[in-house]
């Protein structure tokens, strides 16, 4: 008798697939617990997604069982005065027996020409593969800053923004929404009031892993411009020090003038593909925030 070929199809992930997808990702990513994946998938289930785009991403379905997955996090960002669609490609895994079907996932996931796709956590060995797919690096490394060593500008103060804030002097409604949304995700959201106006910031505590030793650190997730962080670094650094945090990591392509710290290209490379190059220091609504470092 002739053996029947397995039925494999690529389809959108639905809420009914969450448990199976979490099981698959737990097998695929050593060191990530099932609770870690479930927590992030439930956040994806609850968040707003631009109309017409998948909520979770795509999976390879083998007779109703997920054997491959590529998570996608779609969001709207303001770019050059208009709203544009961005998509963070995240957490790609296919069971070894089905690896020949993996291109189905990447092909369907990158088919929208109007979307700017991001890969913010590529493993070093995948860089040539990603570049062969048309991705270009927009961030080559990380700058480990020590903001408390910066001078605190006169007349500058900083306050913490809670998740239930409704309006903040000097910020647009869109900026307030970014701060409150990310505060609900567990980020430290700040607004710095200066003689030149108010400036929003989102930071996320980073964990130490893979034997890497560093002082307690935060990742800069969002600001209007890195120059804003430089000008407010002193007052932000003093607030962070009171909370036991010493360093702030910034996406960078070299040393950051005006900050004391260290630049490295051993980690932090990030890629994009599409019509708009992302700005540095905008990791809003990405896997880093929804799933955690």
Protein backbone atom coordinates (compact mmCIF):
# COMPACT_ATOMS: atom_id res chain seq x y z
CA UNK A 1 0.00 0.00 0.00
CA UNK A 2 1.15 3.57 -0.71
CA UNK A 3 1.65 5.61 2.44
CA UNK A 4 -0.48 8.74 2.65
CA UNK A 5 1.42 12.02 2.77
CA UNK A 6 0.82 14.07 5.92
CA UNK A 7 -1.62 16.93 5.49
CA UNK A 8 0.30 20.17 6.08
CA UNK A 9 -1.21 23.61 5.69
CA UNK A 10 -0.17 27.09 6.71
CA UNK A 11 -2.91 29.09 8.41
CA UNK A 12 -3.53 31.89 10.86
CA UNK A 13 -3.24 31.12 14.56
CA UNK A 14 -6.56 31.45 16.39
CA UNK A 15 -7.36 31.72 20.08
CA UNK A 16 -8.26 28.01 20.13
CA UNK A 17 -4.64 27.24 19.13
CA UNK A 18 -2.99 29.07 22.04
CA UNK A 19 -2.36 26.03 24.23
CA UNK A 20 -0.89 23.99 21.37
CA UNK A 21 1.27 26.88 20.20
CA UNK A 22 2.55 27.42 23.75
CA UNK A 23 3.49 23.72 23.96
CA UNK A 24 5.33 23.93 20.64
CA UNK A 25 7.26 27.07 21.59
CA UNK A 26 8.20 25.57 24.95
CA UNK A 27 9.79 22.63 23.11
CA UNK A 28 11.51 24.95 20.68
CA UNK A 29 13.03 27.52 23.04
CA UNK A 30 15.07 26.12 25.90
CA UNK A 31 14.87 28.26 29.01
CA UNK A 32 11.41 29.67 28.24
CA UNK A 33 8.62 28.20 30.33
CA UNK A 34 5.14 27.37 29.10
CA UNK A 35 3.78 30.09 31.40
CA UNK A 36 6.07 32.61 29.67
CA UNK A 37 4.53 31.81 26.28
CA UNK A 38 0.97 31.67 27.58
CA UNK A 39 1.37 35.04 29.28
CA UNK A 40 2.55 36.65 26.04
CA UNK A 41 -0.06 34.94 23.86
CA UNK A 42 -2.83 36.12 26.16
CA UNK A 43 -1.50 39.66 25.89
CA UNK A 44 -1.63 39.30 22.11
CA UNK A 45 -5.20 38.06 22.38
CA UNK A 46 -6.24 41.19 24.30
CA UNK A 47 -4.38 43.94 22.42
CA UNK A 48 -5.57 46.04 19.51
CA UNK A 49 -4.36 44.95 16.07
CA UNK A 50 -4.59 46.96 12.81
CA UNK A 51 -7.63 45.87 10.84
CA UNK A 52 -7.00 43.19 8.22
CA UNK A 53 -3.84 41.73 9.80
CA UNK A 54 -3.46 38.53 11.87
CA UNK A 55 -3.65 38.79 15.63
CA UNK A 56 -1.08 36.12 16.49
CA UNK A 57 0.71 35.09 13.30
CA UNK A 58 0.81 31.84 11.38
CA UNK A 59 1.28 28.15 12.10
CA UNK A 60 1.97 24.96 10.20
CA UNK A 61 -0.99 22.70 10.87
CA UNK A 62 -0.46 18.92 10.69
CA UNK A 63 -3.88 17.31 10.95
CA UNK A 64 -4.96 19.92 13.50
CA UNK A 65 -1.71 19.96 15.50
CA UNK A 66 0.75 22.93 15.34
CA UNK A 67 4.17 21.74 14.15
CA UNK A 68 5.55 25.14 13.16
CA UNK A 69 4.89 28.71 14.25
CA UNK A 70 5.88 32.29 13.47
CA UNK A 71 4.47 34.88 15.84
CA UNK A 72 3.68 38.31 14.39
CA UNK A 73 3.01 41.48 16.36
CA UNK A 74 1.35 44.14 14.20
CA UNK A 75 1.04 47.73 15.38
CA UNK A 76 0.44 51.26 14.12
CA UNK A 77 3.16 53.87 14.55
CA UNK A 78 3.40 57.48 13.53
CA UNK A 79 5.96 57.91 10.75
CA UNK A 80 6.63 61.23 9.00
CA UNK A 81 3.34 62.63 10.23
CA UNK A 82 1.15 59.68 9.23
CA UNK A 83 0.20 56.33 10.71
CA UNK A 84 2.02 53.31 9.27
CA UNK A 85 1.83 49.56 9.90
CA UNK A 86 4.79 47.80 11.47
CA UNK A 87 5.17 44.09 12.21
CA UNK A 88 7.60 42.47 14.64
CA UNK A 89 8.52 38.99 13.36
CA UNK A 90 9.00 36.96 16.51
CA UNK A 91 9.64 33.46 17.81
CA UNK A 92 9.98 31.28 14.72
CA UNK A 93 10.14 27.52 15.30
CA UNK A 94 9.39 24.39 13.24
CA UNK A 95 9.60 20.80 14.47
CA UNK A 96 12.62 19.01 12.89
CA UNK A 97 10.48 16.53 10.93
CA UNK A 98 8.68 19.41 9.19
CA UNK A 99 11.57 21.81 8.49
CA UNK A 100 11.14 21.42 4.71
CA UNK A 101 7.81 23.26 5.07
CA UNK A 102 9.35 26.21 6.99
CA UNK A 103 9.52 28.55 3.93
CA UNK A 104 5.72 28.49 3.85
CA UNK A 105 5.71 30.44 7.11
CA UNK A 106 8.22 33.11 6.13
CA UNK A 107 6.68 33.61 2.69
CA UNK A 108 3.13 34.22 3.91
CA UNK A 109 4.32 36.30 6.88
CA UNK A 110 6.14 38.88 4.70
CA UNK A 111 3.71 39.28 1.83
CA UNK A 112 2.42 42.81 2.60
CA UNK A 113 4.45 45.43 0.71
CA UNK A 114 3.00 48.31 2.74
CA UNK A 115 4.20 46.84 6.04
CA UNK A 116 7.60 47.48 7.62
CA UNK A 117 8.81 44.22 9.15
CA UNK A 118 11.15 44.14 12.16
CA UNK A 119 13.43 41.46 13.56
CA UNK A 120 14.70 42.76 16.89
CA UNK A 121 16.28 39.60 18.35
CA UNK A 122 18.09 37.70 15.59
CA UNK A 123 20.59 35.04 16.61
CA UNK A 124 24.05 35.70 15.15
CA UNK A 125 23.97 32.56 13.02
CA UNK A 126 20.74 33.78 11.35
CA UNK A 127 22.16 37.13 10.16
CA UNK A 128 23.16 35.88 6.67
CA UNK A 129 19.77 34.16 6.25
CA UNK A 130 17.88 37.30 7.28
CA UNK A 131 19.93 39.49 4.95
CA UNK A 132 19.34 37.06 2.08
CA UNK A 133 15.59 37.62 2.64
CA UNK A 134 16.04 41.34 1.97
CA UNK A 135 16.35 42.61 5.56
CA UNK A 136 18.78 45.41 6.37
CA UNK A 137 20.26 46.29 9.77
CA UNK A 138 19.05 49.58 11.23
CA UNK A 139 20.67 49.05 14.62
CA UNK A 140 24.10 47.46 14.95
CA UNK A 141 24.51 47.29 18.71
CA UNK A 142 23.77 48.54 22.20
CA UNK A 143 25.09 51.43 24.25
CA UNK A 144 25.26 50.68 27.99
CA UNK A 145 24.82 54.11 29.55
CA UNK A 146 25.19 55.17 33.19
CA UNK A 147 22.80 58.13 33.26
CA UNK A 148 23.31 59.00 36.92
CA UNK A 149 26.79 60.22 35.93
CA UNK A 150 25.25 62.83 33.64
CA UNK A 151 24.62 66.32 34.94
CA UNK A 152 21.03 67.02 35.94
CA UNK A 153 19.84 69.97 33.88
CA UNK A 154 18.52 72.90 35.95
CA UNK A 155 14.75 73.23 36.09
CA UNK A 156 14.16 69.61 35.08
CA UNK A 157 12.02 67.14 36.98
CA UNK A 158 10.72 63.67 36.16
CA UNK A 159 7.55 61.86 37.20
CA UNK A 160 6.33 58.30 36.87
CA UNK A 161 3.24 57.78 34.72
CA UNK A 162 0.64 55.29 35.96
CA UNK A 163 -1.43 53.02 33.73
CA UNK A 164 -4.61 54.98 34.59
CA UNK A 165 -3.30 58.42 33.63
CA UNK A 166 -5.63 60.33 31.32
CA UNK A 167 -3.80 63.51 30.29
CA UNK A 168 -0.28 64.87 30.75
CA UNK A 169 0.70 68.49 30.15
CA UNK A 170 2.96 68.83 27.14
CA UNK A 171 2.23 65.40 25.62
CA UNK A 172 -0.09 64.50 22.79
CA UNK A 173 -2.99 62.10 23.32
CA UNK A 174 -1.06 59.51 21.31
CA UNK A 175 1.99 59.80 23.56
CA UNK A 176 -0.13 59.49 26.69
CA UNK A 177 -1.71 56.36 25.22
CA UNK A 178 1.73 54.87 24.54
CA UNK A 179 2.83 55.55 28.12
CA UNK A 180 -0.30 54.20 29.80
CA UNK A 181 -0.44 51.12 27.58
CA UNK A 182 3.16 50.23 28.33
CA UNK A 183 2.76 50.99 32.02
CA UNK A 184 0.03 48.33 32.03
CA UNK A 185 2.56 45.91 30.48
CA UNK A 186 4.91 46.51 33.41
CA UNK A 187 7.22 49.12 31.88
CA UNK A 188 8.50 52.11 33.80
CA UNK A 189 6.93 55.09 32.02
CA UNK A 190 8.22 58.59 32.69
CA UNK A 191 7.65 62.14 31.62
CA UNK A 192 10.44 64.65 32.05
CA UNK A 193 9.36 68.27 32.48
CA UNK A 194 12.00 70.72 31.29
CA UNK A 195 12.13 74.42 30.41
CA UNK A 196 11.91 73.29 26.76
CA UNK A 197 8.79 71.17 27.29
CA UNK A 198 7.73 67.68 28.33
CA UNK A 199 9.39 64.52 27.02
CA UNK A 200 8.02 60.95 27.27
CA UNK A 201 10.11 57.86 28.02
CA UNK A 202 9.38 54.14 28.34
CA UNK A 203 11.89 51.81 30.00
CA UNK A 204 11.79 48.08 30.70
CA UNK A 205 13.76 46.17 33.36
CA UNK A 206 16.17 43.69 31.75
CA UNK A 207 17.09 40.32 33.17
CA UNK A 208 20.57 38.84 33.37
CA UNK A 209 20.85 35.62 31.37
CA UNK A 210 23.34 33.28 29.69
CA UNK A 211 25.99 34.09 32.23
CA UNK A 212 26.14 37.75 31.27
CA UNK A 213 26.93 39.86 34.31
CA UNK A 214 25.88 43.50 34.46
CA UNK A 215 24.55 45.96 37.02
CA UNK A 216 20.75 46.22 37.25
CA UNK A 217 19.70 47.65 33.90
CA UNK A 218 16.77 49.07 31.96
CA UNK A 219 16.18 49.04 28.21
CA UNK A 220 15.04 52.29 26.62
CA UNK A 221 11.88 51.19 24.79
CA UNK A 222 10.62 54.56 23.61
CA UNK A 223 11.45 58.24 23.35
CA UNK A 224 10.85 60.82 20.64
CA UNK A 225 14.56 61.06 19.91
CA UNK A 226 17.70 59.72 21.59
CA UNK A 227 18.80 63.34 22.03
CA UNK A 228 15.87 63.78 24.42
CA UNK A 229 17.19 60.99 26.63
CA UNK A 230 20.68 62.51 26.58
CA UNK A 231 19.36 65.87 27.74
CA UNK A 232 17.27 64.30 30.53
CA UNK A 233 19.69 61.51 31.48
CA UNK A 234 20.87 63.08 34.73
CA UNK A 235 17.45 63.45 36.34
CA UNK A 236 16.29 60.06 34.99
CA UNK A 237 19.45 58.39 36.29
CA UNK A 238 18.87 59.71 39.81
CA UNK A 239 15.30 58.42 39.81
CA UNK A 240 16.46 55.01 38.59
CA UNK A 241 19.22 54.84 41.19
CA UNK A 242 16.63 55.25 43.94
CA UNK A 243 14.95 52.16 42.47
CA UNK A 244 18.19 50.18 42.39
CA UNK A 245 18.82 50.58 38.65
CA UNK A 246 22.22 51.71 37.40
CA UNK A 247 22.40 51.30 33.62
CA UNK A 248 20.12 52.12 30.69
CA UNK A 249 20.61 50.22 27.42
CA UNK A 250 20.02 52.16 24.20
CA UNK A 251 19.80 50.87 20.63
CA UNK A 252 22.75 52.50 18.89
CA UNK A 253 25.10 52.44 15.93
CA UNK A 254 28.06 53.74 17.91
CA UNK A 255 28.89 55.67 21.05
CA UNK A 256 26.22 58.16 22.09
CA UNK A 257 27.64 61.70 22.50
CA UNK A 258 26.71 63.23 25.83
CA UNK A 259 26.36 59.91 27.68
CA UNK A 260 28.90 58.02 29.76
CA UNK A 261 28.97 54.32 28.98
CA UNK A 262 30.13 51.55 26.66
CA UNK A 263 29.11 50.59 23.11
CA UNK A 264 29.13 46.98 21.90
CA UNK A 265 28.11 45.16 18.73
CA UNK A 266 28.18 41.73 20.41
CA UNK A 267 24.45 42.06 20.99
CA UNK A 268 21.56 44.28 20.02
CA UNK A 269 21.56 44.04 16.21
CA UNK A 270 18.11 44.69 14.71
CA UNK A 271 16.82 44.39 11.14
CA UNK A 272 13.99 45.82 9.05
CA UNK A 273 12.42 45.19 5.66
CA UNK A 274 9.87 47.46 4.04
CA UNK A 275 9.12 51.07 3.13
CA UNK A 276 10.13 52.83 6.38
CA UNK A 277 13.34 52.55 8.34
CA UNK A 278 12.48 52.38 12.07
CA UNK A 279 13.90 55.01 14.36
CA UNK A 280 16.26 54.03 17.14
CA UNK A 281 14.72 53.80 20.61
CA UNK A 282 11.27 52.72 19.44
CA UNK A 283 10.53 49.17 20.55
CA UNK A 284 6.91 49.86 21.43
CA UNK A 285 4.49 46.93 21.16
CA UNK A 286 7.24 44.45 20.28
CA UNK A 287 8.01 41.02 21.69
CA UNK A 288 10.36 42.65 24.20
CA UNK A 289 7.40 44.37 25.84
CA UNK A 290 4.59 41.84 25.40
CA UNK A 291 6.59 38.70 26.18
CA UNK A 292 9.42 40.14 28.25
CA UNK A 293 13.22 40.07 27.96
